[in-house]
Amino acid sequence: MKKSGKRIIPGFGLSMGVTLSLLSVIVLIPMGSLVIYTANMSFGDIIETITRERVLASFKVSLMTAFAASLINAVMGVVLAWILVRYDFPFKRILDGLIELPFALPTAVAGIALTSLTSDTGLIGGFFAEFGVKLAYTRIGITIALVFIGIPFVVRAVQPVLEKLDGSYEEAATVLGAGRSRIFFKVIFPEILPAVLTGFGLAFGRCLGEYGSVVFIAGNKPFETEITPLIIMSELQEFDYPSATAIALVMLLVSFLILLTVNFIQIRNSKILKGGGKVA
């Protein structure tokens, strides 16, 4: 039988050209500018810039708080998605809409609001201050802000997967005598794991580069609560563009490696499931 030369997508060449052009303008050119500015420095200058004690301390703060916030989001995101999919209750649509509030709310507004709530005189911070626990202007406060920013990524990644799950597998496991926890970890969790990893990776990458909502609540204490985006902004204000881009390039590489690792795990998990490696 003769194969048809007709393309599935009409105007594929034009569509691909527009796609690549937009990708270049939005992603490739800005990323390439980082490399160009950094290329103005010698390799020794780059190493000296990114290994300064203050810069290394900011890397540590950003990575630790972003990782902690992403782990919390991975757990709480699954819980929220589960509630939204499996239960019906009053004002469910309102709660579903509120999940995306961090996307719409200006990050500076979120930072000011969270700082007011978690300060020693705030509604939440005042309660913990009575027990000697300080939230605002600490790494705990940074983590709280990053949890607020990252939670929608996990919820929106897991929610559609839960909605499409076939309930017959859970019913079969129940008939065979499996308990609720065993059904979740052996039947449901393997199905939503790729989505959880996707949400975790997106939240991690977003948290690493977050500035507006963190800069107010962090307190910006050097070597303690100073985040890497603030270091980059400080270099830009001093018109030291090569140093700023060198530090930004490190954060870009870390984010890229995180997303690449998550994608690799997703592909590997998908191959296992397609090959019948899932244990019910």
C-alpha atoms as a PDB file:
ATOM      1  CA  MET A   1       0.000   0.000   0.000  1.00  0.00           C
ATOM      2  CA  LYS A   2       1.356   3.382  -1.002  1.00  0.00           C
ATOM      3  CA  LYS A   3       1.972   5.747   1.886  1.00  0.00           C
ATOM      4  CA  SER A   4       0.255   9.090   1.748  1.00  0.00           C
ATOM      5  CA  GLY A   5       2.541  12.104   1.718  1.00  0.00           C
ATOM      6  CA  LYS A   6      -0.088  14.293   3.330  1.00  0.00           C
ATOM      7  CA  ARG A   7       1.027  15.758   6.657  1.00  0.00           C
ATOM      8  CA  ILE A   8      -1.150  15.295   9.722  1.00  0.00           C
ATOM      9  CA  ILE A   9      -0.708  18.924  10.781  1.00  0.00           C
ATOM     10  CA  PRO A  10      -1.457  21.420   7.993  1.00  0.00           C
ATOM     11  CA  GLY A  11       1.290  24.003   7.547  1.00  0.00           C
ATOM     12  CA  PHE A  12       3.788  22.011   9.589  1.00  0.00           C
ATOM     13  CA  GLY A  13       6.783  23.884   8.198  1.00  0.00           C
ATOM     14  CA  LEU A  14       5.294  27.290   9.027  1.00  0.00           C
ATOM     15  CA  SER A  15       4.158  26.129  12.475  1.00  0.00           C
ATOM     16  CA  MET A  16       7.605  24.724  13.260  1.00  0.00           C
ATOM     17  CA  GLY A  17       9.266  27.922  12.059  1.00  0.00           C
ATOM     18  CA  VAL A  18       7.066  30.093  14.273  1.00  0.00           C
ATOM     19  CA  THR A  19       7.652  27.746  17.223  1.00  0.00           C
ATOM     20  CA  LEU A  20      11.434  27.806  16.838  1.00  0.00           C
ATOM     21  CA  SER A  21      11.430  31.586  16.388  1.00  0.00           C
ATOM     22  CA  LEU A  22       9.436  32.144  19.574  1.00  0.00           C
ATOM     23  CA  LEU A  23      11.586  29.608  21.417  1.00  0.00           C
ATOM     24  CA  SER A  24      14.713  31.460  20.326  1.00  0.00           C
ATOM     25  CA  VAL A  25      13.406  34.889  21.342  1.00  0.00           C
ATOM     26  CA  ILE A  26      11.929  33.784  24.659  1.00  0.00           C
ATOM     27  CA  VAL A  27      14.432  31.131  25.801  1.00  0.00           C
ATOM     28  CA  LEU A  28      17.553  30.638  23.699  1.00  0.00           C
ATOM     29  CA  ILE A  29      18.622  34.268  23.227  1.00  0.00           C
ATOM     30  CA  PRO A  30      18.255  35.234  26.931  1.00  0.00           C
ATOM     31  CA  MET A  31      20.075  32.070  27.973  1.00  0.00           C
ATOM     32  CA  GLY A  32      22.756  32.704  25.362  1.00  0.00           C
ATOM     33  CA  SER A  33      23.290  36.213  26.722  1.00  0.00           C
ATOM     34  CA  LEU A  34      24.309  34.704  30.058  1.00  0.00           C
ATOM     35  CA  VAL A  35      27.048  32.733  28.334  1.00  0.00           C
ATOM     36  CA  ILE A  36      28.176  35.760  26.298  1.00  0.00           C
ATOM     37  CA  TYR A  37      28.503  38.037  29.322  1.00  0.00           C
ATOM     38  CA  THR A  38      30.230  35.308  31.318  1.00  0.00           C
ATOM     39  CA  ALA A  39      32.641  34.720  28.427  1.00  0.00           C
ATOM     40  CA  ASN A  40      34.073  38.181  29.086  1.00  0.00           C
ATOM     41  CA  MET A  41      35.653  36.714  32.202  1.00  0.00           C
ATOM     42  CA  SER A  42      38.517  34.283  32.326  1.00  0.00           C
ATOM     43  CA  PHE A  43      37.928  30.823  33.792  1.00  0.00           C
ATOM     44  CA  GLY A  44      39.879  31.807  36.899  1.00  0.00           C
ATOM     45  CA  ASP A  45      37.753  34.924  37.398  1.00  0.00           C
ATOM     46  CA  ILE A  46      34.574  32.875  37.054  1.00  0.00           C
ATOM     47  CA  ILE A  47      35.736  30.378  39.669  1.00  0.00           C
ATOM     48  CA  GLU A  48      36.811  33.194  41.966  1.00  0.00           C
ATOM     49  CA  THR A  49      33.409  34.896  41.597  1.00  0.00           C
ATOM     50  CA  ILE A  50      31.218  31.856  42.245  1.00  0.00           C
ATOM     51  CA  THR A  51      33.392  30.572  45.116  1.00  0.00           C
ATOM     52  CA  ARG A  52      33.366  33.763  47.159  1.00  0.00           C
ATOM     53  CA  GLU A  53      32.334  32.941  50.719  1.00  0.00           C
ATOM     54  CA  ARG A  54      29.238  35.119  50.573  1.00  0.00           C
ATOM     55  CA  VAL A  55      28.147  33.644  47.238  1.00  0.00           C
ATOM     56  CA  LEU A  56      28.647  30.063  48.451  1.00  0.00           C
ATOM     57  CA  ALA A  57      26.609  30.864  51.563  1.00  0.00           C
ATOM     58  CA  SER A  58      23.793  32.192  49.351  1.00  0.00           C
ATOM     59  CA  PHE A  59      23.922  29.003  47.243  1.00  0.00           C
ATOM     60  CA  LYS A  60      23.531  26.958  50.419  1.00  0.00           C
ATOM     61  CA  VAL A  61      20.570  29.010  51.665  1.00  0.00           C
ATOM     62  CA  SER A  62      18.777  28.931  48.306  1.00  0.00           C
ATOM     63  CA  LEU A  63      19.311  25.204  47.725  1.00  0.00           C
ATOM     64  CA  MET A  64      18.407  24.121  51.258  1.00  0.00           C
ATOM     65  CA  THR A  65      15.236  26.195  51.528  1.00  0.00           C
ATOM     66  CA  ALA A  66      14.124  25.380  47.963  1.00  0.00           C
ATOM     67  CA  PHE A  67      14.641  21.650  48.545  1.00  0.00           C
ATOM     68  CA  ALA A  68      12.817  21.708  51.897  1.00  0.00           C
ATOM     69  CA  ALA A  69       9.922  23.699  50.420  1.00  0.00           C
ATOM     70  CA  SER A  70       9.676  21.368  47.419  1.00  0.00           C
ATOM     71  CA  LEU A  71       9.541  18.295  49.659  1.00  0.00           C
ATOM     72  CA  ILE A  72       6.746  19.865  51.697  1.00  0.00           C
ATOM     73  CA  ASN A  73       4.948  20.795  48.485  1.00  0.00           C
ATOM     74  CA  ALA A  74       5.306  17.236  47.150  1.00  0.00           C
ATOM     75  CA  VAL A  75       3.493  15.869  50.204  1.00  0.00           C
ATOM     76  CA  MET A  76       0.931  18.613  50.707  1.00  0.00           C
ATOM     77  CA  GLY A  77       0.321  18.901  46.954  1.00  0.00           C
ATOM     78  CA  VAL A  78      -0.709  15.239  46.794  1.00  0.00           C
ATOM     79  CA  VAL A  79      -2.991  15.711  49.816  1.00  0.00           C
ATOM     80  CA  LEU A  80      -4.657  18.782  48.297  1.00  0.00           C
ATOM     81  CA  ALA A  81      -5.058  17.138  44.902  1.00  0.00           C
ATOM     82  CA  TRP A  82      -6.542  14.045  46.569  1.00  0.00           C
ATOM     83  CA  ILE A  83      -9.091  16.140  48.480  1.00  0.00           C
ATOM     84  CA  LEU A  84     -10.090  18.111  45.379  1.00  0.00           C
ATOM     85  CA  VAL A  85     -10.550  14.963  43.280  1.00  0.00           C
ATOM     86  CA  ARG A  86     -11.955  12.398  45.712  1.00  0.00           C
ATOM     87  CA  TYR A  87     -14.281  14.501  47.901  1.00  0.00           C
ATOM     88  CA  ASP A  88     -17.243  16.812  47.388  1.00  0.00           C
ATOM     89  CA  PHE A  89     -17.748  19.619  49.895  1.00  0.00           C
ATOM     90  CA  PRO A  90     -19.095  23.178  50.001  1.00  0.00           C
ATOM     91  CA  PHE A  91     -16.949  25.859  48.314  1.00  0.00           C
ATOM     92  CA  LYS A  92     -14.846  23.213  46.579  1.00  0.00           C
ATOM     93  CA  ARG A  93     -14.585  25.330  43.421  1.00  0.00           C
ATOM     94  CA  ILE A  94     -13.383  28.302  45.469  1.00  0.00           C
ATOM     95  CA  LEU A  95     -10.639  26.201  47.063  1.00  0.00           C
ATOM     96  CA  ASP A  96      -9.705  24.845  43.642  1.00  0.00           C
ATOM     97  CA  GLY A  97      -9.352  28.397  42.344  1.00  0.00           C
ATOM     98  CA  LEU A  98      -7.339  29.543  45.359  1.00  0.00           C
ATOM     99  CA  ILE A  99      -4.673  26.951  44.516  1.00  0.00           C
ATOM    100  CA  GLU A 100      -3.619  29.124  41.590  1.00  0.00           C
ATOM    101  CA  LEU A 101      -3.544  32.351  43.610  1.00  0.00           C
ATOM    102  CA  PRO A 102       0.293  32.349  43.828  1.00  0.00           C
ATOM    103  CA  PHE A 103       0.383  32.471  40.010  1.00  0.00           C
ATOM    104  CA  ALA A 104      -1.799  35.591  39.861  1.00  0.00           C
ATOM    105  CA  LEU A 105      -0.655  37.414  42.988  1.00  0.00           C
ATOM    106  CA  PRO A 106       2.377  39.718  42.562  1.00  0.00           C
ATOM    107  CA  THR A 107       5.274  38.109  44.405  1.00  0.00           C
ATOM    108  CA  ALA A 108       6.124  41.351  46.229  1.00  0.00           C
ATOM    109  CA  VAL A 109       2.567  41.492  47.618  1.00  0.00           C
ATOM    110  CA  ALA A 110       2.872  37.875  48.755  1.00  0.00           C
ATOM    111  CA  GLY A 111       6.200  38.639  50.423  1.00  0.00           C
ATOM    112  CA  ILE A 112       4.832  41.635  52.333  1.00  0.00           C
ATOM    113  CA  ALA A 113       1.732  39.703  53.438  1.00  0.00           C
ATOM    114  CA  LEU A 114       3.728  36.682  54.597  1.00  0.00           C
ATOM    115  CA  THR A 115       6.212  38.895  56.444  1.00  0.00           C
ATOM    116  CA  SER A 116       3.358  40.642  58.282  1.00  0.00           C
ATOM    117  CA  LEU A 117       1.839  37.300  59.267  1.00  0.00           C
ATOM    118  CA  THR A 118       5.063  35.620  60.393  1.00  0.00           C
ATOM    119  CA  SER A 119       6.768  38.530  62.183  1.00  0.00           C
ATOM    120  CA  ASP A 120       6.919  38.485  65.983  1.00  0.00           C
ATOM    121  CA  THR A 121       3.925  40.831  66.091  1.00  0.00           C
ATOM    122  CA  GLY A 122       1.998  39.025  63.346  1.00  0.00           C
ATOM    123  CA  LEU A 123      -0.933  36.676  63.704  1.00  0.00           C
ATOM    124  CA  ILE A 124       1.090  33.503  63.116  1.00  0.00           C
ATOM    125  CA  GLY A 125       4.563  34.679  64.102  1.00  0.00           C
ATOM    126  CA  GLY A 126       3.286  36.098  67.390  1.00  0.00           C
ATOM    127  CA  PHE A 127       1.935  32.689  68.407  1.00  0.00           C
ATOM    128  CA  PHE A 128       5.243  30.930  67.731  1.00  0.00           C
ATOM    129  CA  ALA A 129       7.220  33.779  69.320  1.00  0.00           C
ATOM    130  CA  GLU A 130       5.643  32.883  72.671  1.00  0.00           C
ATOM    131  CA  PHE A 131       7.465  29.545  72.439  1.00  0.00           C
ATOM    132  CA  GLY A 132      10.742  31.154  71.361  1.00  0.00           C
ATOM    133  CA  VAL A 133      10.393  30.186  67.711  1.00  0.00           C
ATOM    134  CA  LYS A 134      11.159  32.957  65.216  1.00  0.00           C
ATOM    135  CA  LEU A 135       9.686  32.615  61.721  1.00  0.00           C
ATOM    136  CA  ALA A 136      10.261  35.848  59.819  1.00  0.00           C
ATOM    137  CA  TYR A 137      13.836  36.808  58.903  1.00  0.00           C
ATOM    138  CA  THR A 138      14.992  33.201  59.239  1.00  0.00           C
ATOM    139  CA  ARG A 139      15.371  30.248  56.879  1.00  0.00           C
ATOM    140  CA  ILE A 140      12.046  28.967  58.195  1.00  0.00           C
ATOM    141  CA  GLY A 141      10.390  32.110  56.891  1.00  0.00           C
ATOM    142  CA  ILE A 142      12.081  31.679  53.498  1.00  0.00           C
ATOM    143  CA  THR A 143      10.804  28.099  53.325  1.00  0.00           C
ATOM    144  CA  ILE A 144       7.256  29.237  54.148  1.00  0.00           C
ATOM    145  CA  ALA A 145       7.355  31.770  51.309  1.00  0.00           C
ATOM    146  CA  LEU A 146       8.682  29.157  48.883  1.00  0.00           C
ATOM    147  CA  VAL A 147       5.987  26.659  49.905  1.00  0.00           C
ATOM    148  CA  PHE A 148       3.387  29.305  49.036  1.00  0.00           C
ATOM    149  CA  ILE A 149       4.999  29.903  45.648  1.00  0.00           C
ATOM    150  CA  GLY A 150       5.547  26.233  44.716  1.00  0.00           C
ATOM    151  CA  ILE A 151       2.407  24.436  45.877  1.00  0.00           C
ATOM    152  CA  PRO A 152       0.368  25.019  42.667  1.00  0.00           C
ATOM    153  CA  PHE A 153       2.928  23.166  40.529  1.00  0.00           C
ATOM    154  CA  VAL A 154       2.457  19.888  42.420  1.00  0.00           C
ATOM    155  CA  VAL A 155      -1.315  20.150  42.772  1.00  0.00           C
ATOM    156  CA  ARG A 156      -1.873  20.910  39.090  1.00  0.00           C
ATOM    157  CA  ALA A 157       0.505  18.132  38.047  1.00  0.00           C
ATOM    158  CA  VAL A 158      -1.103  15.439  40.216  1.00  0.00           C
ATOM    159  CA  GLN A 159      -4.766  16.462  39.989  1.00  0.00           C
ATOM    160  CA  PRO A 160      -5.451  15.416  36.354  1.00  0.00           C
ATOM    161  CA  VAL A 161      -3.692  12.080  36.880  1.00  0.00           C
ATOM    162  CA  LEU A 162      -5.891  11.288  39.883  1.00  0.00           C
ATOM    163  CA  GLU A 163      -8.987  12.251  37.898  1.00  0.00           C
ATOM    164  CA  LYS A 164      -8.117   9.750  35.135  1.00  0.00           C
ATOM    165  CA  LEU A 165      -7.256   6.808  37.402  1.00  0.00           C
ATOM    166  CA  ASP A 166      -9.318   3.700  36.778  1.00  0.00           C
ATOM    167  CA  GLY A 167     -11.153   2.824  39.983  1.00  0.00           C
ATOM    168  CA  SER A 168     -11.390  -0.863  39.019  1.00  0.00           C
ATOM    169  CA  TYR A 169      -7.820  -1.461  40.224  1.00  0.00           C
ATOM    170  CA  GLU A 170      -8.648  -0.122  43.676  1.00  0.00           C
ATOM    171  CA  GLU A 171     -11.831  -2.203  43.785  1.00  0.00           C
ATOM    172  CA  ALA A 172      -9.897  -5.338  42.827  1.00  0.00           C
ATOM    173  CA  ALA A 173      -7.288  -4.657  45.511  1.00  0.00           C
ATOM    174  CA  THR A 174     -10.061  -4.166  48.070  1.00  0.00           C
ATOM    175  CA  VAL A 175     -11.691  -7.470  47.090  1.00  0.00           C
ATOM    176  CA  LEU A 176      -8.320  -9.193  47.509  1.00  0.00           C
ATOM    177  CA  GLY A 177      -8.130  -7.872  51.064  1.00  0.00           C
ATOM    178  CA  ALA A 178      -5.672  -4.992  50.722  1.00  0.00           C
ATOM    179  CA  GLY A 179      -5.955  -2.187  53.257  1.00  0.00           C
ATOM    180  CA  ARG A 180      -6.264   1.495  52.375  1.00  0.00           C
ATOM    181  CA  SER A 181      -2.605   2.291  52.945  1.00  0.00           C
ATOM    182  CA  ARG A 182      -1.476  -0.703  50.872  1.00  0.00           C
ATOM    183  CA  ILE A 183      -3.839   0.242  48.053  1.00  0.00           C
ATOM    184  CA  PHE A 184      -2.460   3.776  48.021  1.00  0.00           C
ATOM    185  CA  PHE A 185       1.239   2.838  48.020  1.00  0.00           C
ATOM    186  CA  LYS A 186       0.953  -0.207  45.729  1.00  0.00           C
ATOM    187  CA  VAL A 187      -1.802   0.813  43.302  1.00  0.00           C
ATOM    188  CA  ILE A 188      -2.274   4.584  43.315  1.00  0.00           C
ATOM    189  CA  PHE A 189       1.156   5.987  44.181  1.00  0.00           C
ATOM    190  CA  PRO A 190       3.039   4.294  41.297  1.00  0.00           C
ATOM    191  CA  GLU A 191       0.546   5.891  38.901  1.00  0.00           C
ATOM    192  CA  ILE A 192       0.918   9.412  40.266  1.00  0.00           C
ATOM    193  CA  LEU A 193       4.674   9.202  40.961  1.00  0.00           C
ATOM    194  CA  PRO A 194       5.737  10.695  37.580  1.00  0.00           C
ATOM    195  CA  ALA A 195       3.352  13.600  38.137  1.00  0.00           C
ATOM    196  CA  VAL A 196       4.653  14.118  41.683  1.00  0.00           C
ATOM    197  CA  LEU A 197       8.231  14.178  40.393  1.00  0.00           C
ATOM    198  CA  THR A 198       7.246  16.645  37.685  1.00  0.00           C
ATOM    199  CA  GLY A 199       5.598  18.937  40.215  1.00  0.00           C
ATOM    200  CA  PHE A 200       8.564  18.592  42.569  1.00  0.00           C
ATOM    201  CA  GLY A 201      11.033  19.486  39.824  1.00  0.00           C
ATOM    202  CA  LEU A 202       9.021  22.474  38.609  1.00  0.00           C
ATOM    203  CA  ALA A 203       8.537  23.730  42.169  1.00  0.00           C
ATOM    204  CA  PHE A 204      12.254  23.265  42.931  1.00  0.00           C
ATOM    205  CA  GLY A 205      13.285  25.208  39.848  1.00  0.00           C
ATOM    206  CA  ARG A 206      10.762  27.957  40.602  1.00  0.00           C
ATOM    207  CA  CYS A 207      11.853  28.225  44.230  1.00  0.00           C
ATOM    208  CA  LEU A 208      15.533  28.490  43.320  1.00  0.00           C
ATOM    209  CA  GLY A 209      14.920  31.613  41.277  1.00  0.00           C
ATOM    210  CA  GLU A 210      12.273  33.232  43.481  1.00  0.00           C
ATOM    211  CA  TYR A 211      13.055  36.782  44.570  1.00  0.00           C
ATOM    212  CA  GLY A 212      10.012  38.990  45.184  1.00  0.00           C
ATOM    213  CA  SER A 213       8.215  36.937  47.831  1.00  0.00           C
ATOM    214  CA  VAL A 214      11.435  35.967  49.640  1.00  0.00           C
ATOM    215  CA  VAL A 215      13.402  39.210  49.792  1.00  0.00           C
ATOM    216  CA  PHE A 216      11.047  40.733  52.395  1.00  0.00           C
ATOM    217  CA  ILE A 217      10.692  37.738  54.688  1.00  0.00           C
ATOM    218  CA  ALA A 218      14.359  36.678  54.493  1.00  0.00           C
ATOM    219  CA  GLY A 219      15.839  39.646  56.311  1.00  0.00           C
ATOM    220  CA  ASN A 220      18.805  39.398  53.914  1.00  0.00           C
ATOM    221  CA  LYS A 221      21.417  38.682  56.564  1.00  0.00           C
ATOM    222  CA  PRO A 222      24.744  37.855  54.871  1.00  0.00           C
ATOM    223  CA  PHE A 223      25.818  34.218  55.402  1.00  0.00           C
ATOM    224  CA  GLU A 224      22.493  33.438  57.130  1.00  0.00           C
ATOM    225  CA  THR A 225      19.387  34.340  55.115  1.00  0.00           C
ATOM    226  CA  GLU A 226      20.795  35.992  51.992  1.00  0.00           C
ATOM    227  CA  ILE A 227      19.517  34.233  48.863  1.00  0.00           C
ATOM    228  CA  THR A 228      21.352  33.945  45.549  1.00  0.00           C
ATOM    229  CA  PRO A 229      18.887  36.080  43.517  1.00  0.00           C
ATOM    230  CA  LEU A 230      19.602  38.947  45.932  1.00  0.00           C
ATOM    231  CA  ILE A 231      23.346  38.547  45.321  1.00  0.00           C
ATOM    232  CA  ILE A 232      22.682  38.712  41.581  1.00  0.00           C
ATOM    233  CA  MET A 233      20.590  41.870  42.003  1.00  0.00           C
ATOM    234  CA  SER A 234      23.337  43.445  44.099  1.00  0.00           C
ATOM    235  CA  GLU A 235      25.899  42.753  41.366  1.00  0.00           C
ATOM    236  CA  LEU A 236      23.584  44.249  38.746  1.00  0.00           C
ATOM    237  CA  GLN A 237      23.079  47.394  40.812  1.00  0.00           C
ATOM    238  CA  GLU A 238      26.843  47.774  40.923  1.00  0.00           C
ATOM    239  CA  PHE A 239      26.937  47.315  37.128  1.00  0.00           C
ATOM    240  CA  ASP A 240      29.090  44.212  37.517  1.00  0.00           C
ATOM    241  CA  TYR A 241      27.272  42.316  34.765  1.00  0.00           C
ATOM    242  CA  PRO A 242      29.906  39.581  34.223  1.00  0.00           C
ATOM    243  CA  SER A 243      29.837  38.577  37.918  1.00  0.00           C
ATOM    244  CA  ALA A 244      26.027  38.658  37.996  1.00  0.00           C
ATOM    245  CA  THR A 245      25.743  36.480  34.906  1.00  0.00           C
ATOM    246  CA  ALA A 246      28.390  34.056  36.198  1.00  0.00           C
ATOM    247  CA  ILE A 247      26.387  33.496  39.389  1.00  0.00           C
ATOM    248  CA  ALA A 248      23.134  33.311  37.406  1.00  0.00           C
ATOM    249  CA  LEU A 249      24.698  30.743  35.077  1.00  0.00           C
ATOM    250  CA  VAL A 250      25.400  28.461  38.043  1.00  0.00           C
ATOM    251  CA  MET A 251      21.749  28.669  39.119  1.00  0.00           C
ATOM    252  CA  LEU A 252      20.666  28.006  35.535  1.00  0.00           C
ATOM    253  CA  LEU A 253      22.826  24.887  35.335  1.00  0.00           C
ATOM    254  CA  VAL A 254      21.504  23.602  38.667  1.00  0.00           C
ATOM    255  CA  SER A 255      17.891  24.117  37.555  1.00  0.00           C
ATOM    256  CA  PHE A 256      18.603  22.424  34.222  1.00  0.00           C
ATOM    257  CA  LEU A 257      20.173  19.398  35.939  1.00  0.00           C
ATOM    258  CA  ILE A 258      17.195  19.127  38.294  1.00  0.00           C
ATOM    259  CA  LEU A 259      14.671  19.131  35.455  1.00  0.00           C
ATOM    260  CA  LEU A 260      16.836  16.755  33.388  1.00  0.00           C
ATOM    261  CA  THR A 261      17.020  14.307  36.311  1.00  0.00           C
ATOM    262  CA  VAL A 262      13.260  14.474  36.857  1.00  0.00           C
ATOM    263  CA  ASN A 263      12.607  13.828  33.162  1.00  0.00           C
ATOM    264  CA  PHE A 264      15.009  10.876  33.189  1.00  0.00           C
ATOM    265  CA  ILE A 265      13.240   9.364  36.199  1.00  0.00           C
ATOM    266  CA  GLN A 266       9.850   9.893  34.525  1.00  0.00           C
ATOM    267  CA  ILE A 267      10.965   8.168  31.321  1.00  0.00           C
ATOM    268  CA  ARG A 268      12.454   5.260  33.251  1.00  0.00           C
ATOM    269  CA  ASN A 269       9.316   4.888  35.381  1.00  0.00           C
ATOM    270  CA  SER A 270       7.093   4.965  32.276  1.00  0.00           C
ATOM    271  CA  LYS A 271       9.140   2.199  30.652  1.00  0.00           C
ATOM    272  CA  ILE A 272       8.834   0.067  33.793  1.00  0.00           C
ATOM    273  CA  LEU A 273       5.048   0.518  33.881  1.00  0.00           C
ATOM    274  CA  LYS A 274       4.665  -0.248  30.171  1.00  0.00           C
ATOM    275  CA  GLY A 275       6.789  -3.340  30.603  1.00  0.00           C
ATOM    276  CA  GLY A 276       4.512  -4.676  33.296  1.00  0.00           C
ATOM    277  CA  GLY A 277       6.897  -3.977  36.165  1.00  0.00           C
ATOM    278  CA  LYS A 278       4.218  -2.500  38.392  1.00  0.00           C
ATOM    279  CA  VAL A 279       3.454  -4.517  41.501  1.00  0.00           C
ATOM    280  CA  ALA A 280      -0.172  -4.452  42.587  1.00  0.00           C
END
